[in-house]
């Protein structure tokens, strides 16, 4: 028996994947993409002071940094709807704007800086503890300061000159 060969044209994989997803998932994916490209919708000035937060029913939810930014976005709601329709083919009923804290992605350098934990070696802590115990009567306070100073030295470098003079 001969094998049947398909004679249809090749299709894009993205079309197959999006065809398999629930329409609500596709809408949320589009909203996420709108948030990532918010500057294309409202321009660099307003995009720097606002961010897309999600969808409430058929309304795009935007967080603005101030009431004046919120008002500007509300006044441009028609333009925002048109741009979203033309770029992402997503129909929204309107735009809801709230004033509040924006969710922002950290830049990779800022994110790395905040995520680094500085752990001094036990030897450094012990050395600082010996130094602190000579000067402080409270053992708990001496341990806390020794840990803090060892962490400081590891983060910012040694300040041996200031120690010798004290």
N, C-alpha and C. Protein backbone atom coordinates (compact mmCIF):
# COMPACT_ATOMS: atom_id res chain seq x y z
N UNK A 1 0.85 -1.18 0.00
CA UNK A 1 0.00 0.00 0.00
C UNK A 1 0.89 1.24 0.00
N UNK A 2 0.61 2.17 -0.84
CA UNK A 2 1.42 3.37 -0.97
C UNK A 2 1.06 4.37 0.12
N UNK A 3 2.10 5.09 0.57
CA UNK A 3 1.88 6.12 1.60
C UNK A 3 1.24 7.35 0.97
N UNK A 4 0.33 7.95 1.71
CA UNK A 4 -0.28 9.19 1.24
C UNK A 4 0.65 10.35 1.56
N UNK A 5 0.81 11.19 0.60
CA UNK A 5 1.64 12.38 0.83
C UNK A 5 0.74 13.60 0.87
N UNK A 6 1.07 14.49 1.81
CA UNK A 6 0.32 15.73 1.91
C UNK A 6 0.87 16.72 0.90
N UNK A 7 0.00 17.35 0.19
CA UNK A 7 0.45 18.29 -0.83
C UNK A 7 0.16 19.73 -0.44
N UNK A 8 -0.13 19.95 0.84
CA UNK A 8 -0.40 21.33 1.28
C UNK A 8 0.92 22.05 1.50
N UNK A 9 0.84 23.34 1.50
CA UNK A 9 2.03 24.16 1.73
C UNK A 9 2.46 24.06 3.18
N UNK A 10 3.74 24.26 3.45
CA UNK A 10 4.19 24.27 4.85
C UNK A 10 3.55 25.44 5.59
N UNK A 11 3.25 25.19 6.86
CA UNK A 11 2.65 26.25 7.68
C UNK A 11 3.62 26.66 8.77
N UNK A 12 3.48 27.89 9.21
CA UNK A 12 4.33 28.39 10.29
C UNK A 12 3.96 27.70 11.59
N UNK A 13 4.96 27.42 12.39
CA UNK A 13 4.74 26.78 13.68
C UNK A 13 3.94 27.68 14.61
N UNK A 14 4.17 28.99 14.53
CA UNK A 14 3.44 29.91 15.40
C UNK A 14 1.94 29.84 15.14
N UNK A 15 1.55 29.61 13.89
CA UNK A 15 0.13 29.47 13.56
C UNK A 15 -0.48 28.23 14.18
N UNK A 16 0.28 27.16 14.21
CA UNK A 16 -0.20 25.93 14.83
C UNK A 16 -0.37 26.10 16.34
N UNK A 17 0.60 26.77 16.96
CA UNK A 17 0.56 26.95 18.41
C UNK A 17 -0.60 27.87 18.79
N UNK A 18 -0.71 29.00 18.11
CA UNK A 18 -1.79 29.93 18.46
C UNK A 18 -3.15 29.33 18.16
N UNK A 19 -3.23 28.45 17.17
CA UNK A 19 -4.49 27.79 16.87
C UNK A 19 -4.92 26.82 17.96
N UNK A 20 -3.95 26.32 18.70
CA UNK A 20 -4.25 25.35 19.75
C UNK A 20 -4.57 26.00 21.09
N UNK A 21 -4.30 27.28 21.22
CA UNK A 21 -4.51 27.96 22.50
C UNK A 21 -5.93 28.49 22.63
N UNK A 22 -6.39 28.56 23.86
CA UNK A 22 -7.71 29.13 24.16
C UNK A 22 -7.68 30.62 23.83
N UNK A 23 -8.77 31.18 23.31
CA UNK A 23 -8.81 32.60 22.96
C UNK A 23 -8.44 33.55 24.11
N UNK A 24 -8.82 33.20 25.35
CA UNK A 24 -8.46 34.05 26.48
C UNK A 24 -6.96 34.08 26.72
N UNK A 25 -6.30 32.96 26.50
CA UNK A 25 -4.84 32.90 26.64
C UNK A 25 -4.19 33.79 25.58
N UNK A 26 -4.72 33.72 24.36
CA UNK A 26 -4.19 34.58 23.29
C UNK A 26 -4.37 36.06 23.62
N UNK A 27 -5.52 36.41 24.19
CA UNK A 27 -5.76 37.82 24.57
C UNK A 27 -4.74 38.26 25.61
N UNK A 28 -4.50 37.40 26.61
CA UNK A 28 -3.53 37.75 27.66
C UNK A 28 -2.12 37.87 27.09
N UNK A 29 -1.80 37.02 26.14
CA UNK A 29 -0.48 37.11 25.50
C UNK A 29 -0.34 38.43 24.74
N UNK A 30 -1.41 38.84 24.08
CA UNK A 30 -1.38 40.11 23.35
C UNK A 30 -1.26 41.28 24.32
N UNK A 31 -1.96 41.21 25.45
CA UNK A 31 -1.87 42.29 26.44
C UNK A 31 -0.44 42.38 26.98
N UNK A 32 0.17 41.24 27.20
CA UNK A 32 1.56 41.23 27.66
C UNK A 32 2.48 41.88 26.62
N UNK A 33 2.24 41.55 25.37
CA UNK A 33 3.04 42.13 24.29
C UNK A 33 2.80 43.64 24.19
N UNK A 34 1.56 44.06 24.40
CA UNK A 34 1.26 45.51 24.40
C UNK A 34 2.04 46.19 25.51
N UNK A 35 2.07 45.57 26.70
CA UNK A 35 2.82 46.14 27.81
C UNK A 35 4.30 46.26 27.51
N UNK A 36 4.85 45.27 26.83
CA UNK A 36 6.28 45.31 26.48
C UNK A 36 6.57 46.37 25.43
N UNK A 37 5.57 46.69 24.61
CA UNK A 37 5.75 47.67 23.54
C UNK A 37 4.87 48.91 23.75
N UNK A 38 4.64 49.25 25.00
CA UNK A 38 3.75 50.35 25.37
C UNK A 38 4.19 51.67 24.74
N UNK A 39 5.48 51.83 24.55
CA UNK A 39 6.00 53.06 23.97
C UNK A 39 5.47 53.27 22.54
N UNK A 40 5.20 52.19 21.81
CA UNK A 40 4.65 52.31 20.46
C UNK A 40 3.20 52.79 20.48
N UNK A 41 2.53 52.58 21.59
CA UNK A 41 1.12 52.94 21.68
C UNK A 41 0.94 54.39 22.13
N UNK A 42 1.67 54.79 23.18
CA UNK A 42 1.45 56.12 23.75
C UNK A 42 2.63 57.07 23.59
N UNK A 43 3.74 56.59 23.07
CA UNK A 43 4.91 57.44 22.90
C UNK A 43 5.83 57.37 24.11
N UNK A 44 7.06 57.83 23.95
CA UNK A 44 8.07 57.67 25.00
C UNK A 44 7.78 58.46 26.28
N UNK A 45 7.20 59.63 26.17
CA UNK A 45 6.95 60.45 27.36
C UNK A 45 5.93 59.78 28.29
N UNK A 46 4.78 59.40 27.75
CA UNK A 46 3.75 58.75 28.57
C UNK A 46 4.14 57.32 28.94
N UNK A 47 4.85 56.63 28.07
CA UNK A 47 5.26 55.25 28.37
C UNK A 47 6.23 55.22 29.55
N UNK A 48 7.02 56.27 29.71
CA UNK A 48 7.94 56.34 30.84
C UNK A 48 7.24 56.58 32.16
N UNK A 49 5.99 57.04 32.10
CA UNK A 49 5.25 57.38 33.31
C UNK A 49 4.00 56.54 33.51
N UNK A 50 3.88 55.47 32.72
CA UNK A 50 2.72 54.58 32.84
C UNK A 50 3.10 53.18 32.37
N UNK A 51 2.24 52.22 32.70
CA UNK A 51 2.49 50.85 32.26
C UNK A 51 1.17 50.09 32.18
N UNK A 52 1.14 49.09 31.31
CA UNK A 52 -0.04 48.26 31.16
C UNK A 52 -0.08 47.26 32.30
N UNK A 53 -1.23 47.16 32.94
CA UNK A 53 -1.38 46.28 34.09
C UNK A 53 -2.14 45.00 33.75
N UNK A 54 -3.01 45.05 32.74
CA UNK A 54 -3.77 43.86 32.38
C UNK A 54 -5.07 44.21 31.70
N UNK A 55 -6.01 43.27 31.77
CA UNK A 55 -7.34 43.46 31.20
C UNK A 55 -8.39 43.28 32.29
N UNK A 56 -9.39 44.15 32.30
CA UNK A 56 -10.57 43.99 33.13
C UNK A 56 -11.75 43.95 32.17
N UNK A 57 -12.34 42.77 32.06
CA UNK A 57 -13.38 42.53 31.06
C UNK A 57 -12.78 42.86 29.69
N UNK A 58 -13.29 43.86 29.00
CA UNK A 58 -12.73 44.22 27.69
C UNK A 58 -11.98 45.54 27.74
N UNK A 59 -11.60 45.98 28.93
CA UNK A 59 -10.89 47.25 29.07
C UNK A 59 -9.42 47.01 29.39
N UNK A 60 -8.56 47.75 28.72
CA UNK A 60 -7.13 47.70 29.02
C UNK A 60 -6.90 48.48 30.31
N UNK A 61 -6.20 47.90 31.26
CA UNK A 61 -5.93 48.55 32.54
C UNK A 61 -4.51 49.11 32.51
N UNK A 62 -4.40 50.39 32.81
CA UNK A 62 -3.12 51.09 32.78
C UNK A 62 -2.88 51.73 34.14
N UNK A 63 -1.66 51.61 34.64
CA UNK A 63 -1.25 52.30 35.86
C UNK A 63 -0.45 53.52 35.46
N UNK A 64 -0.83 54.67 36.01
CA UNK A 64 -0.14 55.92 35.71
C UNK A 64 0.54 56.43 36.97
N UNK A 65 1.65 57.13 36.78
CA UNK A 65 2.42 57.61 37.93
C UNK A 65 1.80 58.83 38.60
N UNK A 66 0.93 59.56 37.89
CA UNK A 66 0.28 60.74 38.47
C UNK A 66 -1.08 60.94 37.82
N UNK A 67 -1.87 61.81 38.44
CA UNK A 67 -3.20 62.07 37.90
C UNK A 67 -3.14 62.79 36.55
N UNK A 68 -2.12 63.60 36.34
CA UNK A 68 -2.01 64.30 35.05
C UNK A 68 -1.68 63.31 33.93
N UNK A 69 -0.83 62.33 34.20
CA UNK A 69 -0.53 61.29 33.21
C UNK A 69 -1.78 60.46 32.95
N UNK A 70 -2.51 60.14 34.01
CA UNK A 70 -3.76 59.37 33.85
C UNK A 70 -4.74 60.13 32.97
N UNK A 71 -4.86 61.42 33.19
CA UNK A 71 -5.77 62.23 32.39
C UNK A 71 -5.37 62.26 30.92
N UNK A 72 -4.08 62.37 30.65
CA UNK A 72 -3.60 62.38 29.26
C UNK A 72 -3.91 61.05 28.57
N UNK A 73 -3.72 59.96 29.27
CA UNK A 73 -4.00 58.65 28.67
C UNK A 73 -5.50 58.48 28.44
N UNK A 74 -6.32 58.96 29.39
CA UNK A 74 -7.78 58.89 29.21
C UNK A 74 -8.22 59.70 27.99
N UNK A 75 -7.60 60.87 27.80
CA UNK A 75 -7.97 61.71 26.65
C UNK A 75 -7.54 61.05 25.34
N UNK A 76 -6.53 60.21 25.37
CA UNK A 76 -6.05 59.53 24.16
C UNK A 76 -6.58 58.11 24.05
N UNK A 77 -7.59 57.77 24.82
CA UNK A 77 -8.11 56.40 24.84
C UNK A 77 -8.54 55.92 23.46
N UNK A 78 -9.14 56.79 22.67
CA UNK A 78 -9.56 56.41 21.32
C UNK A 78 -8.37 56.05 20.44
N UNK A 79 -7.33 56.85 20.52
CA UNK A 79 -6.11 56.59 19.75
C UNK A 79 -5.45 55.31 20.23
N UNK A 80 -5.44 55.10 21.54
CA UNK A 80 -4.85 53.88 22.11
C UNK A 80 -5.60 52.66 21.58
N UNK A 81 -6.92 52.71 21.59
CA UNK A 81 -7.73 51.59 21.08
C UNK A 81 -7.43 51.32 19.61
N UNK A 82 -7.33 52.40 18.80
CA UNK A 82 -7.06 52.23 17.37
C UNK A 82 -5.68 51.61 17.12
N UNK A 83 -4.67 52.07 17.85
CA UNK A 83 -3.32 51.53 17.66
C UNK A 83 -3.25 50.06 18.07
N UNK A 84 -3.91 49.74 19.16
CA UNK A 84 -3.91 48.34 19.61
C UNK A 84 -4.63 47.47 18.59
N UNK A 85 -5.70 47.96 18.04
CA UNK A 85 -6.44 47.20 17.02
C UNK A 85 -5.58 47.03 15.77
N UNK A 86 -4.90 48.08 15.34
CA UNK A 86 -4.13 47.99 14.09
C UNK A 86 -2.85 47.16 14.25
N UNK A 87 -2.17 47.26 15.40
CA UNK A 87 -0.90 46.55 15.57
C UNK A 87 -1.11 45.11 16.03
N UNK A 88 -2.00 44.89 17.01
CA UNK A 88 -2.16 43.57 17.62
C UNK A 88 -3.48 42.88 17.27
N UNK A 89 -4.32 43.57 16.50
CA UNK A 89 -5.63 43.03 16.13
C UNK A 89 -6.42 42.58 17.36
N UNK A 90 -6.41 43.45 18.37
CA UNK A 90 -7.12 43.17 19.62
C UNK A 90 -8.17 44.25 19.84
N UNK A 91 -9.42 43.83 19.95
CA UNK A 91 -10.51 44.77 20.21
C UNK A 91 -10.66 44.96 21.71
N UNK A 92 -10.56 46.22 22.15
CA UNK A 92 -10.83 46.54 23.55
C UNK A 92 -11.94 47.57 23.58
N UNK A 93 -12.74 47.54 24.64
CA UNK A 93 -13.86 48.47 24.77
C UNK A 93 -13.40 49.85 25.20
N UNK A 94 -12.33 49.89 25.96
CA UNK A 94 -11.85 51.17 26.45
C UNK A 94 -10.59 50.99 27.27
N UNK A 95 -10.22 52.08 27.91
CA UNK A 95 -9.00 52.08 28.72
C UNK A 95 -9.36 52.55 30.12
N UNK A 96 -9.02 51.75 31.12
CA UNK A 96 -9.19 52.16 32.52
C UNK A 96 -7.82 52.55 33.04
N UNK A 97 -7.74 53.74 33.59
CA UNK A 97 -6.45 54.24 34.07
C UNK A 97 -6.53 54.48 35.57
N UNK A 98 -5.58 53.92 36.30
CA UNK A 98 -5.49 54.11 37.74
C UNK A 98 -4.16 54.78 38.06
N UNK A 99 -4.18 55.59 39.09
CA UNK A 99 -2.95 56.22 39.55
C UNK A 99 -2.37 55.34 40.65
N UNK A 100 -1.14 55.00 40.51
CA UNK A 100 -0.50 54.15 41.51
C UNK A 100 0.89 53.75 41.10
N UNK A 101 1.41 52.82 41.83
CA UNK A 101 2.76 52.34 41.59
C UNK A 101 2.80 51.47 40.33
N UNK A 102 3.74 51.75 39.48
CA UNK A 102 3.87 51.01 38.23
C UNK A 102 4.72 49.77 38.43
N UNK A 103 4.38 48.73 37.70
CA UNK A 103 5.21 47.53 37.68
C UNK A 103 6.23 47.73 36.58
N UNK A 104 7.48 47.75 36.97
CA UNK A 104 8.56 47.97 36.01
C UNK A 104 9.52 46.82 36.02
N UNK A 105 10.03 46.50 34.86
CA UNK A 105 11.10 45.52 34.79
C UNK A 105 12.40 46.22 35.11
N UNK A 106 13.21 45.55 35.95
CA UNK A 106 14.53 46.09 36.25
C UNK A 106 15.46 45.84 35.09
N UNK A 107 16.38 46.77 34.92
CA UNK A 107 17.42 46.51 33.93
C UNK A 107 18.28 45.38 34.46
N UNK A 108 18.95 44.68 33.58
CA UNK A 108 19.72 43.51 34.00
C UNK A 108 20.81 43.88 34.99
N UNK A 109 21.44 45.04 34.83
CA UNK A 109 22.50 45.41 35.78
C UNK A 109 21.92 45.74 37.15
N UNK A 110 20.77 46.41 37.19
CA UNK A 110 20.14 46.73 38.46
C UNK A 110 19.63 45.46 39.12
N UNK A 111 19.06 44.57 38.34
CA UNK A 111 18.55 43.33 38.87
C UNK A 111 19.68 42.50 39.47
N UNK A 112 20.80 42.43 38.79
CA UNK A 112 21.93 41.66 39.28
C UNK A 112 22.46 42.27 40.57
N UNK A 113 22.53 43.58 40.62
CA UNK A 113 23.04 44.26 41.80
C UNK A 113 22.16 43.96 43.01
N UNK A 114 20.85 43.95 42.83
CA UNK A 114 19.94 43.69 43.94
C UNK A 114 19.90 42.22 44.34
N UNK A 115 20.22 41.33 43.42
CA UNK A 115 20.13 39.91 43.70
C UNK A 115 21.38 39.32 44.32
N UNK A 116 22.48 40.04 44.30
CA UNK A 116 23.74 39.50 44.82
C UNK A 116 23.71 39.53 46.34
N UNK A 117 24.03 38.39 46.93
CA UNK A 117 24.16 38.31 48.38
C UNK A 117 25.63 38.32 48.70
N UNK A 118 25.99 39.11 49.68
CA UNK A 118 27.39 39.22 50.08
C UNK A 118 27.56 38.46 51.38
N UNK A 119 28.32 37.40 51.32
CA UNK A 119 28.55 36.56 52.48
C UNK A 119 30.04 36.56 52.81
N UNK A 120 30.43 37.24 53.88
CA UNK A 120 31.84 37.23 54.26
C UNK A 120 32.25 35.85 54.78
N UNK A 121 33.52 35.56 54.69
CA UNK A 121 34.01 34.26 55.16
C UNK A 121 33.96 34.21 56.69
N UNK A 122 33.85 33.00 57.26
CA UNK A 122 33.85 32.86 58.72
C UNK A 122 35.12 33.42 59.36
N UNK A 123 36.26 33.31 58.65
CA UNK A 123 37.51 33.85 59.18
C UNK A 123 37.45 35.37 59.30
N UNK A 124 36.86 36.04 58.31
CA UNK A 124 36.72 37.49 58.36
C UNK A 124 35.82 37.92 59.51
N UNK A 125 34.73 37.18 59.70
CA UNK A 125 33.81 37.50 60.80
C UNK A 125 34.51 37.29 62.14
N UNK A 126 35.27 36.20 62.25
CA UNK A 126 35.98 35.90 63.50
C UNK A 126 36.99 36.99 63.81
N UNK A 127 37.73 37.44 62.78
CA UNK A 127 38.72 38.50 62.97
C UNK A 127 38.03 39.79 63.46
N UNK A 128 36.90 40.13 62.84
CA UNK A 128 36.17 41.33 63.25
C UNK A 128 35.58 41.17 64.65
N UNK A 129 35.14 39.95 64.99
CA UNK A 129 34.57 39.69 66.30
C UNK A 129 35.63 39.88 67.39
N UNK A 130 36.83 39.38 67.13
CA UNK A 130 37.92 39.56 68.11
C UNK A 130 38.19 41.05 68.33
N UNK A 131 38.16 41.81 67.24
CA UNK A 131 38.38 43.25 67.32
C UNK A 131 37.26 43.94 68.12
N UNK A 132 35.99 43.54 67.86
CA UNK A 132 34.84 44.16 68.52
C UNK A 132 34.74 43.76 70.00
N UNK A 133 35.07 42.50 70.33
CA UNK A 133 34.96 42.05 71.72
C UNK A 133 35.90 42.82 72.65
N UNK A 134 37.00 43.30 72.12
CA UNK A 134 37.93 44.10 72.91
C UNK A 134 37.33 45.46 73.27
N UNK A 135 36.42 45.93 72.48
CA UNK A 135 35.88 47.27 72.65
C UNK A 135 34.45 47.32 73.21
N UNK A 136 33.73 46.19 73.14
CA UNK A 136 32.32 46.17 73.56
C UNK A 136 32.09 45.11 74.63
N UNK A 137 31.20 45.43 75.58
CA UNK A 137 30.86 44.47 76.62
C UNK A 137 29.72 43.55 76.20
N UNK A 138 28.85 44.03 75.35
CA UNK A 138 27.68 43.26 74.93
C UNK A 138 28.07 42.31 73.79
N UNK A 139 28.01 40.98 74.07
CA UNK A 139 28.44 39.99 73.08
C UNK A 139 27.55 39.98 71.84
N UNK A 140 26.25 40.15 72.05
CA UNK A 140 25.30 40.15 70.93
C UNK A 140 25.57 41.33 69.99
N UNK A 141 25.81 42.47 70.57
CA UNK A 141 26.13 43.66 69.78
C UNK A 141 27.46 43.49 69.05
N UNK A 142 28.44 42.91 69.73
CA UNK A 142 29.76 42.68 69.12
C UNK A 142 29.63 41.76 67.91
N UNK A 143 28.83 40.68 68.04
CA UNK A 143 28.63 39.75 66.92
C UNK A 143 27.94 40.44 65.74
N UNK A 144 26.92 41.23 66.04
CA UNK A 144 26.19 41.92 64.98
C UNK A 144 27.10 42.91 64.25
N UNK A 145 27.87 43.68 65.00
CA UNK A 145 28.78 44.64 64.37
C UNK A 145 29.91 43.95 63.61
N UNK A 146 30.40 42.84 64.14
CA UNK A 146 31.45 42.09 63.45
C UNK A 146 30.93 41.57 62.11
N UNK A 147 29.74 41.04 62.11
CA UNK A 147 29.13 40.55 60.88
C UNK A 147 28.93 41.69 59.88
N UNK A 148 28.44 42.82 60.37
CA UNK A 148 28.21 43.98 59.53
C UNK A 148 29.53 44.49 58.95
N UNK A 149 30.54 44.60 59.77
CA UNK A 149 31.82 45.13 59.31
C UNK A 149 32.49 44.19 58.31
N UNK A 150 32.41 42.88 58.56
CA UNK A 150 32.98 41.91 57.61
C UNK A 150 32.25 41.97 56.27
N UNK A 151 30.94 42.14 56.31
CA UNK A 151 30.17 42.27 55.08
C UNK A 151 30.55 43.56 54.36
N UNK A 152 30.69 44.64 55.11
CA UNK A 152 31.08 45.93 54.53
C UNK A 152 32.45 45.81 53.86
N UNK A 153 33.40 45.19 54.53
CA UNK A 153 34.74 45.04 53.97
C UNK A 153 34.72 44.23 52.69
N UNK A 154 33.91 43.17 52.69
CA UNK A 154 33.84 42.33 51.49
C UNK A 154 33.22 43.11 50.34
N UNK A 155 32.21 43.90 50.63
CA UNK A 155 31.51 44.65 49.59
C UNK A 155 32.32 45.84 49.08
N UNK A 156 32.91 46.62 49.99
CA UNK A 156 33.56 47.86 49.60
C UNK A 156 35.08 47.83 49.68
N UNK A 157 35.64 46.74 50.13
CA UNK A 157 37.09 46.66 50.23
C UNK A 157 37.55 46.97 51.64
N UNK A 158 38.80 46.71 51.87
CA UNK A 158 39.36 46.85 53.22
C UNK A 158 39.66 48.32 53.52
N UNK A 159 39.48 48.68 54.76
CA UNK A 159 39.86 50.02 55.21
C UNK A 159 40.89 49.89 56.34
N UNK A 160 41.96 49.16 56.06
CA UNK A 160 42.99 48.87 57.06
C UNK A 160 43.61 50.16 57.61
N UNK A 161 43.74 51.19 56.77
CA UNK A 161 44.34 52.44 57.25
C UNK A 161 43.52 53.09 58.36
N UNK A 162 42.20 53.04 58.24
CA UNK A 162 41.37 53.65 59.28
C UNK A 162 41.41 52.82 60.55
N UNK A 163 41.59 51.49 60.44
CA UNK A 163 41.65 50.64 61.61
C UNK A 163 42.94 50.90 62.38
N UNK A 164 44.05 51.06 61.67
CA UNK A 164 45.35 51.27 62.33
C UNK A 164 45.38 52.58 63.11
N UNK A 165 44.66 53.58 62.57
CA UNK A 165 44.68 54.86 63.25
C UNK A 165 43.75 54.89 64.46
N UNK A 166 42.81 53.96 64.56
CA UNK A 166 41.86 53.97 65.70
C UNK A 166 42.37 53.18 66.86
